[in-house]
Amino acid sequence: MSAIQSGDTVADFSLPATGGETFTLSAQRGTIVVLYFYPKDNTPGCTTEAQNFRDLYPQFVKAGALVVGVSRDSLKSHENFKARQSLPFALLSDTDERLCQQFGVIKLKKLYGKEARGIERSTFVIDREGALTREWRAVKLPNHVQSVLDDVLSL
């Protein structure tokens, strides 16, 4: 299965989310969805990214967007991370990597000189009708979240 690309309609999916919820994409029609994939809870880069989304979250909401984070971590890990960082948005647990595969974010990465499969930090904007309008892959953090917000504001 090839990864989704800008302009494609995103296939519906449901995943367990923090707060005992289930997140279903089709239930979000009419809302812009910012879906960001990150490697691991409670790591320096992922914490910084989550804090950046947290800090700009009111502006995303004002623009009519919902922010959702996704990683392969368990819901228990997500609940801890969300509480520790005071995150106002849901974190989705993709332990079987189905959503990661749908978006093509699993990559071979080098970590301390060893190759390992992991999530490549990536962000996707899905419009009110469910189409992918923008994607950022191999994200570098400085100014990234502001760039995503600027894109959402242009929709």
N, C-alpha and C. Protein backbone atom coordinates (compact mmCIF):
# COMPACT_ATOMS: atom_id res chain seq x y z
N MET A 1 0.84 -1.17 0.00
CA MET A 1 0.00 0.00 0.00
C MET A 1 0.89 1.24 0.00
N SER A 2 0.67 2.13 -0.92
CA SER A 2 1.50 3.33 -0.97
C SER A 2 0.96 4.38 -0.01
N ALA A 3 1.85 5.21 0.47
CA ALA A 3 1.47 6.23 1.45
C ALA A 3 0.60 7.30 0.82
N ILE A 4 -0.23 7.88 1.62
CA ILE A 4 -1.12 8.95 1.19
C ILE A 4 -0.30 10.17 0.75
N GLN A 5 -0.87 10.93 -0.17
CA GLN A 5 -0.19 12.13 -0.67
C GLN A 5 -1.17 13.29 -0.68
N SER A 6 -0.64 14.51 -0.71
CA SER A 6 -1.49 15.69 -0.74
C SER A 6 -2.51 15.59 -1.86
N GLY A 7 -3.75 15.95 -1.54
CA GLY A 7 -4.84 15.89 -2.49
C GLY A 7 -5.69 14.64 -2.35
N ASP A 8 -5.11 13.58 -1.75
CA ASP A 8 -5.86 12.34 -1.55
C ASP A 8 -6.90 12.51 -0.46
N THR A 9 -8.01 11.78 -0.60
CA THR A 9 -8.96 11.68 0.50
C THR A 9 -8.40 10.67 1.49
N VAL A 10 -8.40 11.02 2.75
CA VAL A 10 -7.83 10.15 3.78
C VAL A 10 -8.85 9.07 4.13
N ALA A 11 -8.45 7.81 4.04
CA ALA A 11 -9.33 6.70 4.41
C ALA A 11 -9.68 6.81 5.89
N ASP A 12 -10.93 6.51 6.20
CA ASP A 12 -11.38 6.60 7.58
C ASP A 12 -10.57 5.66 8.47
N PHE A 13 -10.39 6.05 9.71
CA PHE A 13 -9.70 5.21 10.69
C PHE A 13 -10.24 5.52 12.07
N SER A 14 -10.09 4.57 12.97
CA SER A 14 -10.43 4.74 14.38
C SER A 14 -9.27 4.20 15.20
N LEU A 15 -8.90 4.95 16.23
CA LEU A 15 -7.83 4.52 17.14
C LEU A 15 -8.19 4.89 18.56
N PRO A 16 -7.71 4.10 19.53
CA PRO A 16 -7.91 4.47 20.92
C PRO A 16 -7.17 5.77 21.23
N ALA A 17 -7.85 6.63 22.01
CA ALA A 17 -7.30 7.94 22.34
C ALA A 17 -7.28 8.13 23.86
N THR A 18 -6.50 9.10 24.29
CA THR A 18 -6.47 9.44 25.71
C THR A 18 -7.86 9.83 26.17
N GLY A 19 -8.07 9.73 27.47
CA GLY A 19 -9.36 10.09 28.04
C GLY A 19 -10.41 9.01 27.87
N GLY A 20 -9.98 7.79 27.48
CA GLY A 20 -10.92 6.69 27.31
C GLY A 20 -11.78 6.81 26.07
N GLU A 21 -11.37 7.65 25.14
CA GLU A 21 -12.13 7.89 23.92
C GLU A 21 -11.60 7.04 22.77
N THR A 22 -12.38 7.00 21.70
CA THR A 22 -11.94 6.45 20.43
C THR A 22 -12.02 7.59 19.43
N PHE A 23 -10.92 7.84 18.74
CA PHE A 23 -10.90 8.89 17.72
C PHE A 23 -11.22 8.26 16.38
N THR A 24 -12.24 8.78 15.71
CA THR A 24 -12.62 8.32 14.37
C THR A 24 -12.58 9.51 13.44
N LEU A 25 -11.81 9.40 12.37
CA LEU A 25 -11.64 10.53 11.46
C LEU A 25 -12.97 11.01 10.88
N SER A 26 -13.83 10.09 10.44
CA SER A 26 -15.09 10.50 9.79
C SER A 26 -15.98 11.31 10.74
N ALA A 27 -15.82 11.13 12.04
CA ALA A 27 -16.61 11.91 13.01
C ALA A 27 -16.14 13.36 13.08
N GLN A 28 -15.00 13.66 12.45
CA GLN A 28 -14.43 15.01 12.49
C GLN A 28 -14.76 15.83 11.25
N ARG A 29 -15.57 15.28 10.33
CA ARG A 29 -15.92 16.04 9.12
C ARG A 29 -16.45 17.42 9.52
N GLY A 30 -16.07 18.42 8.75
CA GLY A 30 -16.44 19.79 9.07
C GLY A 30 -15.40 20.50 9.92
N THR A 31 -14.39 19.75 10.36
CA THR A 31 -13.31 20.31 11.18
C THR A 31 -11.98 20.01 10.49
N ILE A 32 -11.07 20.96 10.53
CA ILE A 32 -9.71 20.72 10.04
C ILE A 32 -9.00 19.87 11.09
N VAL A 33 -8.32 18.82 10.65
CA VAL A 33 -7.58 17.95 11.57
C VAL A 33 -6.09 18.07 11.29
N VAL A 34 -5.34 18.41 12.34
CA VAL A 34 -3.88 18.42 12.27
C VAL A 34 -3.43 17.15 12.97
N LEU A 35 -2.87 16.24 12.18
CA LEU A 35 -2.44 14.94 12.68
C LEU A 35 -0.92 14.94 12.69
N TYR A 36 -0.34 14.87 13.89
CA TYR A 36 1.13 14.85 13.93
C TYR A 36 1.61 13.55 14.53
N PHE A 37 2.57 12.94 13.84
CA PHE A 37 3.18 11.68 14.25
C PHE A 37 4.52 12.00 14.90
N TYR A 38 4.78 11.36 16.03
CA TYR A 38 6.04 11.59 16.73
C TYR A 38 6.58 10.25 17.23
N PRO A 39 7.89 10.15 17.40
CA PRO A 39 8.49 8.86 17.73
C PRO A 39 8.13 8.28 19.10
N LYS A 40 8.22 9.07 20.18
CA LYS A 40 8.08 8.45 21.51
C LYS A 40 7.75 9.49 22.58
N ASP A 41 6.81 9.11 23.45
CA ASP A 41 6.47 9.96 24.59
C ASP A 41 7.69 10.22 25.47
N ASN A 42 7.70 11.40 26.09
CA ASN A 42 8.69 11.76 27.12
C ASN A 42 10.14 11.74 26.65
N THR A 43 10.35 12.00 25.36
CA THR A 43 11.72 12.17 24.86
C THR A 43 11.90 13.66 24.54
N PRO A 44 13.12 14.16 24.52
CA PRO A 44 13.31 15.61 24.40
C PRO A 44 12.63 16.26 23.18
N GLY A 45 12.87 15.72 21.98
CA GLY A 45 12.28 16.34 20.79
C GLY A 45 10.76 16.24 20.78
N CYS A 46 10.24 15.10 21.20
CA CYS A 46 8.79 14.89 21.19
C CYS A 46 8.11 15.75 22.25
N THR A 47 8.79 15.95 23.37
CA THR A 47 8.25 16.82 24.41
C THR A 47 8.20 18.26 23.91
N THR A 48 9.27 18.71 23.27
CA THR A 48 9.30 20.07 22.73
C THR A 48 8.20 20.26 21.70
N GLU A 49 8.03 19.29 20.81
CA GLU A 49 6.98 19.41 19.79
C GLU A 49 5.59 19.47 20.43
N ALA A 50 5.33 18.60 21.40
CA ALA A 50 4.03 18.59 22.08
C ALA A 50 3.80 19.93 22.79
N GLN A 51 4.82 20.46 23.43
CA GLN A 51 4.69 21.76 24.11
C GLN A 51 4.40 22.88 23.11
N ASN A 52 5.03 22.81 21.94
CA ASN A 52 4.77 23.83 20.92
C ASN A 52 3.32 23.77 20.44
N PHE A 53 2.81 22.55 20.19
CA PHE A 53 1.40 22.41 19.80
C PHE A 53 0.50 22.87 20.95
N ARG A 54 0.86 22.53 22.19
CA ARG A 54 0.08 22.96 23.35
C ARG A 54 0.00 24.48 23.42
N ASP A 55 1.14 25.13 23.25
CA ASP A 55 1.19 26.58 23.41
C ASP A 55 0.41 27.31 22.33
N LEU A 56 0.35 26.75 21.14
CA LEU A 56 -0.40 27.39 20.05
C LEU A 56 -1.81 26.81 19.88
N TYR A 57 -2.16 25.85 20.72
CA TYR A 57 -3.46 25.16 20.59
C TYR A 57 -4.65 26.12 20.55
N PRO A 58 -4.72 27.14 21.41
CA PRO A 58 -5.87 28.05 21.33
C PRO A 58 -6.03 28.70 19.94
N GLN A 59 -4.91 28.97 19.28
CA GLN A 59 -4.98 29.56 17.95
C GLN A 59 -5.47 28.54 16.91
N PHE A 60 -5.08 27.27 17.08
CA PHE A 60 -5.58 26.22 16.19
C PHE A 60 -7.10 26.10 16.36
N VAL A 61 -7.57 26.09 17.60
CA VAL A 61 -9.00 25.97 17.88
C VAL A 61 -9.75 27.15 17.27
N LYS A 62 -9.22 28.34 17.45
CA LYS A 62 -9.85 29.55 16.90
C LYS A 62 -9.96 29.46 15.38
N ALA A 63 -8.99 28.78 14.75
CA ALA A 63 -8.98 28.61 13.29
C ALA A 63 -9.87 27.44 12.85
N GLY A 64 -10.51 26.77 13.80
CA GLY A 64 -11.40 25.66 13.47
C GLY A 64 -10.68 24.34 13.27
N ALA A 65 -9.53 24.19 13.91
CA ALA A 65 -8.73 22.97 13.73
C ALA A 65 -8.64 22.18 15.03
N LEU A 66 -8.53 20.88 14.86
CA LEU A 66 -8.33 19.94 15.95
C LEU A 66 -6.92 19.37 15.81
N VAL A 67 -6.13 19.41 16.87
CA VAL A 67 -4.78 18.86 16.87
C VAL A 67 -4.83 17.48 17.53
N VAL A 68 -4.17 16.50 16.90
CA VAL A 68 -4.12 15.14 17.43
C VAL A 68 -2.71 14.61 17.24
N GLY A 69 -2.12 14.07 18.31
CA GLY A 69 -0.80 13.46 18.24
C GLY A 69 -0.91 11.94 18.13
N VAL A 70 0.02 11.32 17.40
CA VAL A 70 0.00 9.87 17.20
C VAL A 70 1.41 9.30 17.39
N SER A 71 1.49 8.23 18.18
CA SER A 71 2.73 7.46 18.24
C SER A 71 2.37 6.01 18.51
N ARG A 72 3.39 5.16 18.59
CA ARG A 72 3.17 3.73 18.85
C ARG A 72 3.11 3.42 20.33
N ASP A 73 3.22 4.43 21.18
CA ASP A 73 3.19 4.21 22.62
C ASP A 73 1.81 3.74 23.09
N SER A 74 1.78 3.12 24.26
CA SER A 74 0.53 2.64 24.86
C SER A 74 -0.32 3.82 25.35
N LEU A 75 -1.59 3.55 25.57
CA LEU A 75 -2.47 4.58 26.13
C LEU A 75 -1.99 5.01 27.52
N LYS A 76 -1.49 4.07 28.31
CA LYS A 76 -0.99 4.41 29.64
C LYS A 76 0.17 5.42 29.54
N SER A 77 1.08 5.18 28.62
CA SER A 77 2.19 6.10 28.39
C SER A 77 1.68 7.46 27.92
N HIS A 78 0.71 7.43 27.00
CA HIS A 78 0.12 8.68 26.49
C HIS A 78 -0.55 9.48 27.61
N GLU A 79 -1.31 8.80 28.47
CA GLU A 79 -2.01 9.49 29.56
C GLU A 79 -0.99 10.18 30.47
N ASN A 80 0.10 9.50 30.77
CA ASN A 80 1.15 10.07 31.61
C ASN A 80 1.78 11.29 30.93
N PHE A 81 2.12 11.15 29.66
CA PHE A 81 2.75 12.23 28.89
C PHE A 81 1.81 13.44 28.80
N LYS A 82 0.54 13.17 28.50
CA LYS A 82 -0.45 14.24 28.37
C LYS A 82 -0.60 15.00 29.68
N ALA A 83 -0.67 14.27 30.80
CA ALA A 83 -0.82 14.91 32.11
C ALA A 83 0.44 15.71 32.47
N ARG A 84 1.59 15.10 32.26
CA ARG A 84 2.86 15.75 32.62
C ARG A 84 3.06 17.05 31.84
N GLN A 85 2.63 17.09 30.58
CA GLN A 85 2.84 18.26 29.73
C GLN A 85 1.61 19.16 29.62
N SER A 86 0.54 18.82 30.33
CA SER A 86 -0.73 19.58 30.29
C SER A 86 -1.21 19.79 28.85
N LEU A 87 -1.26 18.68 28.11
CA LEU A 87 -1.66 18.76 26.70
C LEU A 87 -3.19 18.83 26.61
N PRO A 88 -3.71 19.81 25.87
CA PRO A 88 -5.16 19.98 25.76
C PRO A 88 -5.78 19.17 24.62
N PHE A 89 -4.99 18.37 23.94
CA PHE A 89 -5.48 17.60 22.79
C PHE A 89 -5.24 16.12 23.01
N ALA A 90 -5.93 15.31 22.20
CA ALA A 90 -5.86 13.85 22.32
C ALA A 90 -4.56 13.31 21.73
N LEU A 91 -4.10 12.22 22.33
CA LEU A 91 -2.99 11.43 21.79
C LEU A 91 -3.57 10.07 21.42
N LEU A 92 -3.23 9.60 20.22
CA LEU A 92 -3.74 8.33 19.73
C LEU A 92 -2.66 7.27 19.82
N SER A 93 -3.08 6.07 20.22
CA SER A 93 -2.16 4.94 20.36
C SER A 93 -2.27 4.04 19.12
N ASP A 94 -1.20 3.98 18.35
CA ASP A 94 -1.15 3.18 17.12
C ASP A 94 -0.15 2.03 17.31
N THR A 95 -0.42 1.18 18.30
CA THR A 95 0.53 0.13 18.65
C THR A 95 0.75 -0.88 17.52
N ASP A 96 -0.25 -1.08 16.66
CA ASP A 96 -0.08 -2.03 15.56
C ASP A 96 0.39 -1.36 14.26
N GLU A 97 0.65 -0.07 14.32
CA GLU A 97 1.23 0.72 13.22
C GLU A 97 0.34 0.83 11.98
N ARG A 98 -0.95 0.54 12.08
CA ARG A 98 -1.80 0.64 10.89
C ARG A 98 -1.88 2.07 10.36
N LEU A 99 -2.08 3.04 11.25
CA LEU A 99 -2.16 4.43 10.79
C LEU A 99 -0.79 4.91 10.33
N CYS A 100 0.25 4.50 11.04
CA CYS A 100 1.61 4.86 10.62
C CYS A 100 1.88 4.36 9.20
N GLN A 101 1.44 3.14 8.90
CA GLN A 101 1.62 2.58 7.56
C GLN A 101 0.79 3.35 6.54
N GLN A 102 -0.45 3.69 6.90
CA GLN A 102 -1.33 4.44 5.99
C GLN A 102 -0.69 5.76 5.56
N PHE A 103 0.02 6.39 6.49
CA PHE A 103 0.64 7.68 6.19
C PHE A 103 2.12 7.55 5.81
N GLY A 104 2.64 6.34 5.81
CA GLY A 104 4.03 6.11 5.38
C GLY A 104 5.07 6.77 6.24
N VAL A 105 4.88 6.73 7.57
CA VAL A 105 5.82 7.42 8.45
C VAL A 105 6.80 6.49 9.17
N ILE A 106 6.68 5.17 8.95
CA ILE A 106 7.64 4.24 9.55
C ILE A 106 8.87 4.18 8.64
N LYS A 107 10.01 4.48 9.22
CA LYS A 107 11.26 4.52 8.45
C LYS A 107 12.36 3.79 9.21
N LEU A 108 13.38 3.38 8.48
CA LEU A 108 14.60 2.88 9.13
C LEU A 108 15.41 4.11 9.53
N LYS A 109 15.73 4.20 10.81
CA LYS A 109 16.46 5.35 11.32
C LYS A 109 17.71 4.86 12.03
N LYS A 110 18.72 5.70 12.06
CA LYS A 110 19.93 5.38 12.80
C LYS A 110 19.83 6.00 14.19
N LEU A 111 20.04 5.17 15.19
CA LEU A 111 20.00 5.64 16.56
C LEU A 111 21.23 5.07 17.27
N TYR A 112 22.12 5.95 17.67
CA TYR A 112 23.37 5.55 18.32
C TYR A 112 24.14 4.53 17.47
N GLY A 113 24.16 4.77 16.15
CA GLY A 113 24.91 3.93 15.24
C GLY A 113 24.22 2.66 14.80
N LYS A 114 23.03 2.39 15.34
CA LYS A 114 22.29 1.19 14.95
C LYS A 114 21.04 1.58 14.18
N GLU A 115 20.67 0.73 13.21
CA GLU A 115 19.44 0.97 12.47
C GLU A 115 18.26 0.41 13.25
N ALA A 116 17.18 1.16 13.27
CA ALA A 116 15.96 0.72 13.94
C ALA A 116 14.76 1.30 13.21
N ARG A 117 13.66 0.55 13.20
CA ARG A 117 12.42 1.06 12.63
C ARG A 117 11.79 2.03 13.62
N GLY A 118 11.33 3.14 13.09
CA GLY A 118 10.68 4.10 13.97
C GLY A 118 9.86 5.09 13.19
N ILE A 119 9.13 5.91 13.92
CA ILE A 119 8.30 6.94 13.28
C ILE A 119 9.17 8.12 12.90
N GLU A 120 9.05 8.52 11.65
CA GLU A 120 9.68 9.75 11.19
C GLU A 120 8.74 10.90 11.54
N ARG A 121 9.21 11.85 12.31
CA ARG A 121 8.38 12.98 12.75
C ARG A 121 7.73 13.63 11.52
N SER A 122 6.40 13.63 11.50
CA SER A 122 5.65 14.10 10.33
C SER A 122 4.34 14.74 10.79
N THR A 123 3.85 15.70 10.01
CA THR A 123 2.59 16.37 10.32
C THR A 123 1.75 16.45 9.04
N PHE A 124 0.44 16.25 9.20
CA PHE A 124 -0.50 16.25 8.08
C PHE A 124 -1.70 17.13 8.43
N VAL A 125 -2.16 17.91 7.45
CA VAL A 125 -3.37 18.70 7.63
C VAL A 125 -4.45 18.10 6.73
N ILE A 126 -5.57 17.76 7.36
CA ILE A 126 -6.72 17.18 6.66
C ILE A 126 -7.84 18.21 6.69
N ASP A 127 -8.38 18.55 5.52
CA ASP A 127 -9.38 19.62 5.46
C ASP A 127 -10.75 19.15 5.96
N ARG A 128 -11.70 20.06 5.95
CA ARG A 128 -13.04 19.80 6.49
C ARG A 128 -13.78 18.68 5.76
N GLU A 129 -13.38 18.39 4.52
CA GLU A 129 -14.02 17.32 3.74
C GLU A 129 -13.26 16.00 3.82
N GLY A 130 -12.14 15.98 4.53
CA GLY A 130 -11.39 14.75 4.69
C GLY A 130 -10.26 14.53 3.71
N ALA A 131 -9.87 15.58 2.98
CA ALA A 131 -8.76 15.47 2.02
C ALA A 131 -7.47 15.98 2.66
N LEU A 132 -6.38 15.32 2.33
CA LEU A 132 -5.07 15.75 2.81
C LEU A 132 -4.66 16.99 2.02
N THR A 133 -4.44 18.11 2.72
CA THR A 133 -4.08 19.34 2.02
C THR A 133 -2.60 19.69 2.13
N ARG A 134 -1.94 19.18 3.18
CA ARG A 134 -0.54 19.55 3.36
C ARG A 134 0.15 18.47 4.18
N GLU A 135 1.42 18.24 3.88
CA GLU A 135 2.20 17.28 4.65
C GLU A 135 3.61 17.81 4.86
N TRP A 136 4.13 17.53 6.02
CA TRP A 136 5.52 17.83 6.36
C TRP A 136 6.13 16.52 6.81
N ARG A 137 7.21 16.11 6.18
CA ARG A 137 7.88 14.86 6.55
C ARG A 137 9.30 15.19 7.01
N ALA A 138 9.87 14.31 7.81
CA ALA A 138 11.21 14.52 8.38
C ALA A 138 11.30 15.92 9.01
N VAL A 139 10.33 16.21 9.85
CA VAL A 139 10.17 17.52 10.47
C VAL A 139 11.36 17.88 11.36
N LYS A 140 11.79 19.11 11.22
CA LYS A 140 12.74 19.73 12.14
C LYS A 140 11.93 20.73 12.97
N LEU A 141 12.15 20.75 14.27
CA LEU A 141 11.24 21.46 15.17
C LEU A 141 11.21 22.98 15.12
N PRO A 142 12.33 23.66 15.05
CA PRO A 142 12.21 25.12 15.14
C PRO A 142 11.22 25.68 14.12
N ASN A 143 10.23 26.40 14.61
CA ASN A 143 9.21 27.08 13.80
C ASN A 143 8.23 26.14 13.10
N HIS A 144 8.34 24.84 13.30
CA HIS A 144 7.45 23.91 12.59
C HIS A 144 5.99 24.13 12.94
N VAL A 145 5.67 24.18 14.22
CA VAL A 145 4.27 24.29 14.63
C VAL A 145 3.67 25.61 14.14
N GLN A 146 4.45 26.67 14.16
CA GLN A 146 3.97 27.95 13.63
C GLN A 146 3.68 27.83 12.13
N SER A 147 4.52 27.10 11.39
CA SER A 147 4.27 26.88 9.95
C SER A 147 2.97 26.12 9.72
N VAL A 148 2.71 25.13 10.58
CA VAL A 148 1.46 24.36 10.47
C VAL A 148 0.28 25.29 10.75
N LEU A 149 0.37 26.10 11.78
CA LEU A 149 -0.71 27.04 12.10
C LEU A 149 -0.94 28.02 10.95
N ASP A 150 0.13 28.53 10.38
CA ASP A 150 -0.01 29.45 9.23
C ASP A 150 -0.74 28.77 8.08
N ASP A 151 -0.43 27.50 7.85
CA ASP A 151 -1.11 26.74 6.79
C ASP A 151 -2.59 26.59 7.11
N VAL A 152 -2.91 26.24 8.34
CA VAL A 152 -4.31 26.07 8.75
C VAL A 152 -5.07 27.39 8.59
N LEU A 153 -4.45 28.49 8.96
CA LEU A 153 -5.09 29.79 8.84
C LEU A 153 -5.39 30.17 7.38
N SER A 154 -4.64 29.57 6.45
CA SER A 154 -4.85 29.88 5.03
C SER A 154 -6.00 29.08 4.41
N LEU A 155 -6.51 28.09 5.14
CA LEU A 155 -7.60 27.26 4.59
C LEU A 155 -8.94 27.95 4.68
